[in-house]
Structure formats: C-alpha cells, structure tokens
Amino acid sequence: MIRELDDVVLECDLPEHGLARGDVGTVVLVHETGGYEVEFTALDGETVAVLTLANSQVRGVRAGEIAHARGLARAA
C-alpha cells in the first residue's frame, strides 16, 4: 500500500515533464478515488514536477533497489 510521503517509482516515460521510467518521486497526496499527487525533485532539491498520476503509473520502491542519477531531460 502506497501512503503519503512514500517514495514511488515512475513506471512510464513522461517526456513532456522531462521524466523517465524509473525516476523516483515522493507521494504528497493519496486521492480517495485512486491515484496520487507525486513530487519529483532533482538531487539539488529543485522541484521538477508535481503530477497527478494513476495507480498504474507508479509503484512502490522494492527491497534491494538503488537510486540512479541522470541528467534532467528538459521538456521542449
């Protein structure tokens, strides 16, 4: 079960927001009707995006996973 303030992993690319599958965000709100508000930040703390995402677009972090740094793909 995903709760507020949990880290989640993006399950799809969102190029319009500069995000890629595997990016990690933080749930800032769980919607009662399903889905989440998720904040994605750069490692320097800059907010990249706050998005409303469906349950199918994110998953919880799994044991044994490690975060990976990449350059931010800026949306066109």
C-alpha atoms as a PDB file:
ATOM      1  CA  MET A   1       0.000   0.000   0.000  1.00  0.00           C
ATOM      2  CA  ILE A   2       1.386   3.395  -1.010  1.00  0.00           C
ATOM      3  CA  ARG A   3       0.955   6.186   1.538  1.00  0.00           C
ATOM      4  CA  GLU A   4       1.667   9.900   1.725  1.00  0.00           C
ATOM      5  CA  LEU A   5       5.408  10.666   1.893  1.00  0.00           C
ATOM      6  CA  ASP A   6       6.340   7.270   0.435  1.00  0.00           C
ATOM      7  CA  ASP A   7       8.863   7.223  -2.379  1.00  0.00           C
ATOM      8  CA  VAL A   8       7.490   5.745  -5.595  1.00  0.00           C
ATOM      9  CA  VAL A   9       8.994   4.709  -8.914  1.00  0.00           C
ATOM     10  CA  LEU A  10       7.629   6.008 -12.211  1.00  0.00           C
ATOM     11  CA  GLU A  11       6.501   3.155 -14.460  1.00  0.00           C
ATOM     12  CA  CYS A  12       6.326   5.103 -17.730  1.00  0.00           C
ATOM     13  CA  ASP A  13       8.152   7.886 -19.559  1.00  0.00           C
ATOM     14  CA  LEU A  14       6.634  11.362 -19.270  1.00  0.00           C
ATOM     15  CA  PRO A  15       8.807  13.318 -21.733  1.00  0.00           C
ATOM     16  CA  GLU A  16       6.521  16.358 -21.577  1.00  0.00           C
ATOM     17  CA  HIS A  17       7.732  16.756 -17.977  1.00  0.00           C
ATOM     18  CA  GLY A  18      11.337  15.621 -18.530  1.00  0.00           C
ATOM     19  CA  LEU A  19      10.696  12.396 -16.612  1.00  0.00           C
ATOM     20  CA  ALA A  20      11.654   8.833 -17.490  1.00  0.00           C
ATOM     21  CA  ARG A  21      10.604   5.406 -16.318  1.00  0.00           C
ATOM     22  CA  GLY A  22      12.486   4.577 -13.124  1.00  0.00           C
ATOM     23  CA  ASP A  23      12.573   8.140 -11.785  1.00  0.00           C
ATOM     24  CA  VAL A  24      11.776   8.360  -8.078  1.00  0.00           C
ATOM     25  CA  GLY A  25       9.226  10.768  -6.648  1.00  0.00           C
ATOM     26  CA  THR A  26       7.511  11.376  -3.324  1.00  0.00           C
ATOM     27  CA  VAL A  27       3.772  10.986  -2.798  1.00  0.00           C
ATOM     28  CA  VAL A  28       2.377  14.242  -1.402  1.00  0.00           C
ATOM     29  CA  LEU A  29      -1.295  13.235  -1.550  1.00  0.00           C
ATOM     30  CA  VAL A  30      -3.207   9.980  -1.937  1.00  0.00           C
ATOM     31  CA  HIS A  31      -6.539  10.541  -3.691  1.00  0.00           C
ATOM     32  CA  GLU A  32      -9.525   8.770  -2.123  1.00  0.00           C
ATOM     33  CA  THR A  33     -10.781   7.833  -5.593  1.00  0.00           C
ATOM     34  CA  GLY A  34      -7.396   6.401  -6.648  1.00  0.00           C
ATOM     35  CA  GLY A  35      -4.172   7.885  -7.880  1.00  0.00           C
ATOM     36  CA  TYR A  36      -1.574  10.119  -6.335  1.00  0.00           C
ATOM     37  CA  GLU A  37      -0.048  13.577  -6.377  1.00  0.00           C
ATOM     38  CA  VAL A  38       3.669  12.937  -6.768  1.00  0.00           C
ATOM     39  CA  GLU A  39       6.525  15.438  -6.497  1.00  0.00           C
ATOM     40  CA  PHE A  40       9.675  14.782  -8.495  1.00  0.00           C
ATOM     41  CA  THR A  41      12.781  16.691  -7.484  1.00  0.00           C
ATOM     42  CA  ALA A  42      16.322  16.975  -8.763  1.00  0.00           C
ATOM     43  CA  LEU A  43      19.062  15.943  -6.340  1.00  0.00           C
ATOM     44  CA  ASP A  44      19.758  19.638  -5.634  1.00  0.00           C
ATOM     45  CA  GLY A  45      16.198  19.994  -4.297  1.00  0.00           C
ATOM     46  CA  GLU A  46      14.696  21.755  -7.325  1.00  0.00           C
ATOM     47  CA  THR A  47      11.126  20.640  -7.955  1.00  0.00           C
ATOM     48  CA  VAL A  48      10.914  19.225 -11.462  1.00  0.00           C
ATOM     49  CA  ALA A  49       7.188  18.464 -11.468  1.00  0.00           C
ATOM     50  CA  VAL A  50       4.202  17.798  -9.240  1.00  0.00           C
ATOM     51  CA  LEU A  51       1.848  15.497 -11.118  1.00  0.00           C
ATOM     52  CA  THR A  52      -1.422  13.673 -10.658  1.00  0.00           C
ATOM     53  CA  LEU A  53      -0.681  10.068 -11.574  1.00  0.00           C
ATOM     54  CA  ALA A  54      -2.796   6.948 -11.851  1.00  0.00           C
ATOM     55  CA  ASN A  55      -2.085   3.849  -9.790  1.00  0.00           C
ATOM     56  CA  SER A  56      -0.720   2.167 -12.922  1.00  0.00           C
ATOM     57  CA  GLN A  57       1.863   4.911 -13.491  1.00  0.00           C
ATOM     58  CA  VAL A  58       3.780   4.381 -10.243  1.00  0.00           C
ATOM     59  CA  ARG A  59       4.798   1.576  -7.938  1.00  0.00           C
ATOM     60  CA  GLY A  60       6.326   1.341  -4.516  1.00  0.00           C
ATOM     61  CA  VAL A  61      10.055   1.034  -4.016  1.00  0.00           C
ATOM     62  CA  ARG A  62      11.199  -2.590  -3.796  1.00  0.00           C
ATOM     63  CA  ALA A  63      13.791  -4.064  -1.451  1.00  0.00           C
ATOM     64  CA  GLY A  64      17.259  -4.162  -2.960  1.00  0.00           C
ATOM     65  CA  GLU A  65      16.719  -1.269  -5.411  1.00  0.00           C
ATOM     66  CA  ILE A  66      19.199   1.578  -5.709  1.00  0.00           C
ATOM     67  CA  ALA A  67      18.620   5.110  -6.993  1.00  0.00           C
ATOM     68  CA  HIS A  68      20.465   6.156 -10.155  1.00  0.00           C
ATOM     69  CA  ALA A  69      21.456   9.701 -11.093  1.00  0.00           C
ATOM     70  CA  ARG A  70      20.900  11.011 -14.629  1.00  0.00           C
ATOM     71  CA  GLY A  71      20.795  14.400 -16.268  1.00  0.00           C
ATOM     72  CA  LEU A  72      17.387  16.026 -16.421  1.00  0.00           C
ATOM     73  CA  ALA A  73      15.773  15.872 -19.853  1.00  0.00           C
ATOM     74  CA  ARG A  74      14.176  19.298 -20.147  1.00  0.00           C
ATOM     75  CA  ALA A  75      10.760  19.308 -21.795  1.00  0.00           C
ATOM     76  CA  ALA A  76      10.680  21.046 -25.161  1.00  0.00           C
END
